[in-house]
Protein backbone atom coordinates (compact mmCIF):
# COMPACT_ATOMS: atom_id res chain seq x y z
CA MET A 1 24.87 -42.22 13.35
CA GLU A 2 21.83 -41.47 15.51
CA ILE A 3 21.53 -38.00 14.00
CA MET A 4 21.32 -39.44 10.48
CA HIS A 5 18.58 -41.82 11.56
CA GLU A 6 16.56 -38.86 12.84
CA ALA A 7 17.18 -36.84 9.67
CA LEU A 8 16.15 -39.79 7.51
CA THR A 9 13.03 -40.34 9.61
CA ALA A 10 12.12 -36.65 9.33
CA HIS A 11 12.72 -36.80 5.58
CA ILE A 12 10.46 -39.82 5.09
CA TYR A 13 7.65 -38.53 7.33
CA ALA A 14 7.80 -35.14 5.59
CA ILE A 15 7.40 -36.89 2.23
CA TYR A 16 4.34 -38.75 3.53
CA LEU A 17 2.88 -35.51 4.88
CA PHE A 18 3.66 -33.80 1.55
CA ILE A 19 1.73 -36.47 -0.33
CA ILE A 20 -1.18 -36.22 2.12
CA ILE A 21 -1.31 -32.44 1.63
CA MET A 22 -1.29 -32.86 -2.16
CA LEU A 23 -4.06 -35.45 -2.02
CA PHE A 24 -6.10 -33.29 0.37
CA ASN A 25 -5.75 -30.29 -1.97
CA PHE A 26 -6.71 -32.43 -4.96
CA TYR A 27 -9.70 -33.80 -3.04
CA SER A 28 -10.72 -30.25 -2.11
CA VAL A 29 -10.55 -29.05 -5.72
CA ILE A 30 -12.69 -31.96 -6.86
CA ASN A 31 -15.34 -31.84 -4.13
CA ILE A 32 -15.78 -28.19 -3.14
CA ASP A 33 -18.11 -26.31 -5.46
CA ASP A 34 -18.00 -22.94 -3.69
CA PHE A 35 -14.91 -21.17 -4.99
CA MET A 36 -14.49 -18.90 -1.99
CA LYS A 37 -14.48 -21.85 0.39
CA LEU A 38 -12.01 -23.65 -1.88
CA ALA A 39 -9.77 -20.58 -2.10
CA ARG A 40 -9.72 -20.20 1.70
CA ARG A 41 -8.83 -23.85 2.17
CA LEU A 42 -6.06 -23.78 -0.44
CA LYS A 43 -4.77 -20.49 0.97
CA PHE A 44 -4.51 -22.15 4.39
CA MET A 45 -2.82 -25.26 2.97
CA THR A 46 -0.24 -23.42 0.84
CA PRO A 47 2.14 -22.54 3.71
CA LEU A 48 1.94 -26.15 4.97
CA TYR A 49 2.74 -27.36 1.46
CA HIS A 50 5.82 -25.14 1.23
CA LEU A 51 6.92 -25.93 4.79
CA THR A 52 6.88 -29.67 4.14
CA ASN A 53 8.69 -29.16 0.83
CA ALA A 54 11.34 -27.12 2.67
CA VAL A 55 11.71 -29.80 5.35
CA ILE A 56 12.14 -32.41 2.62
CA MET A 57 14.79 -30.32 0.85
CA TYR A 58 16.64 -29.45 4.06
CA SER A 59 16.65 -32.95 5.51
CA GLY A 60 17.64 -34.38 2.13
CA ALA A 61 20.55 -31.93 1.95
CA ILE A 62 21.68 -32.95 5.44
CA ILE A 63 21.54 -36.64 4.56
CA ALA A 64 23.38 -36.15 1.26
CA ALA A 65 26.06 -33.98 2.87
CA TYR A 66 26.61 -36.39 5.74
CA ALA A 67 26.90 -39.34 3.38
CA HIS A 68 29.18 -37.35 1.03
CA SER A 69 26.83 -38.42 -1.72
CA PHE A 70 26.04 -36.33 -4.75
CA SER A 71 24.60 -39.15 -6.80
CA LEU A 72 22.14 -39.16 -9.65
CA LYS A 73 19.34 -39.58 -7.10
CA VAL A 74 20.28 -36.34 -5.34
CA ILE A 75 20.73 -34.53 -8.65
CA LEU A 76 17.23 -35.68 -9.65
CA MET A 77 15.58 -34.66 -6.37
CA ILE A 78 16.87 -31.07 -6.39
CA PRO A 79 15.10 -29.94 -9.58
CA VAL A 80 12.00 -31.92 -8.64
CA SER A 81 11.70 -30.05 -5.33
CA ILE A 82 12.21 -26.73 -7.08
CA PHE A 83 9.70 -27.68 -9.79
CA LEU A 84 7.06 -28.58 -7.18
CA MET A 85 7.66 -25.31 -5.37
CA VAL A 86 7.39 -23.23 -8.55
CA ILE A 87 4.30 -24.98 -9.88
CA GLU A 88 2.52 -24.48 -6.54
CA ILE A 89 3.47 -20.79 -6.49
CA LYS A 90 2.03 -20.40 -9.99
CA ARG A 91 -1.17 -22.13 -8.90
CA TYR A 92 -1.49 -19.83 -5.90
CA LYS A 93 -0.84 -16.69 -7.96
CA LYS A 94 -3.48 -17.71 -10.49
CA MET A 95 -5.99 -18.41 -7.69
CA ARG A 96 -5.56 -15.17 -5.74
CA VAL A 97 -6.49 -12.81 -8.60
CA ILE A 98 -9.85 -14.45 -9.29
CA LYS A 99 -12.81 -12.42 -8.09
CA THR A 100 -16.00 -13.76 -6.59
CA SER A 101 -18.06 -12.74 -9.60
CA ASP A 102 -15.86 -14.38 -12.27
CA GLU A 103 -17.48 -17.80 -12.58
CA ASN A 104 -15.73 -18.49 -15.87
CA LEU A 105 -12.30 -17.91 -14.32
CA GLN A 106 -13.29 -19.95 -11.27
CA ASN A 107 -14.16 -22.94 -13.44
CA GLU A 108 -10.96 -22.53 -15.45
CA PHE A 109 -8.99 -22.42 -12.20
CA LYS A 110 -10.54 -25.64 -10.93
CA THR A 111 -9.56 -27.42 -14.14
CA TYR A 112 -6.08 -25.91 -13.92
CA ALA A 113 -5.69 -26.87 -10.24
CA LYS A 114 -6.77 -30.46 -10.96
CA LYS A 115 -4.09 -30.69 -13.64
CA ILE A 116 -1.48 -29.16 -11.33
CA TYR A 117 -2.17 -31.62 -8.52
CA ILE A 118 -2.21 -34.58 -10.91
CA ILE A 119 1.16 -33.44 -12.27
CA GLU A 120 2.57 -33.01 -8.75
CA ILE A 121 1.45 -36.45 -7.63
CA ALA A 122 2.71 -38.05 -10.85
CA VAL A 123 6.10 -36.35 -10.48
CA LEU A 124 6.48 -37.59 -6.91
CA PHE A 125 5.47 -41.09 -7.95
CA ALA A 126 7.91 -41.03 -10.90
CA VAL A 127 10.76 -39.84 -8.65
CA PHE A 128 9.94 -42.58 -6.15
CA LEU A 129 10.13 -45.20 -8.88
CA LEU A 130 13.34 -43.78 -10.33
CA VAL A 131 15.01 -43.66 -6.92
CA LYS A 132 14.07 -47.29 -6.29
CA VAL A 133 15.52 -48.29 -9.67
CA LEU A 134 18.74 -46.25 -9.45
């Protein structure tokens, strides 16, 4: 039972770290005016984002397998994790092709990134509420 306690603890702390990374990225998009500085920061944070998402998925799979539970909660969390991974990959791909001289694309990206991070945070909040209800 000790091993499940550690997996659950890792799962919960990874979720908190995931939310902190999302909020930090959202804060960066809102407050950094220089696109190159913003792009460097988001480029640095992207692997951390995906690492924490992977830890959440892996620890969640361990917990569900150990408990022999394939409930509606688990079924809900799988596509949410995949959705968050895909939407972040799309954000990164859109960011990396923008050149330093394209101010119009830079402004469009900032608006797009704000929407992406709002969607990500809203999805996590909605999943949290649904899991508490189910």
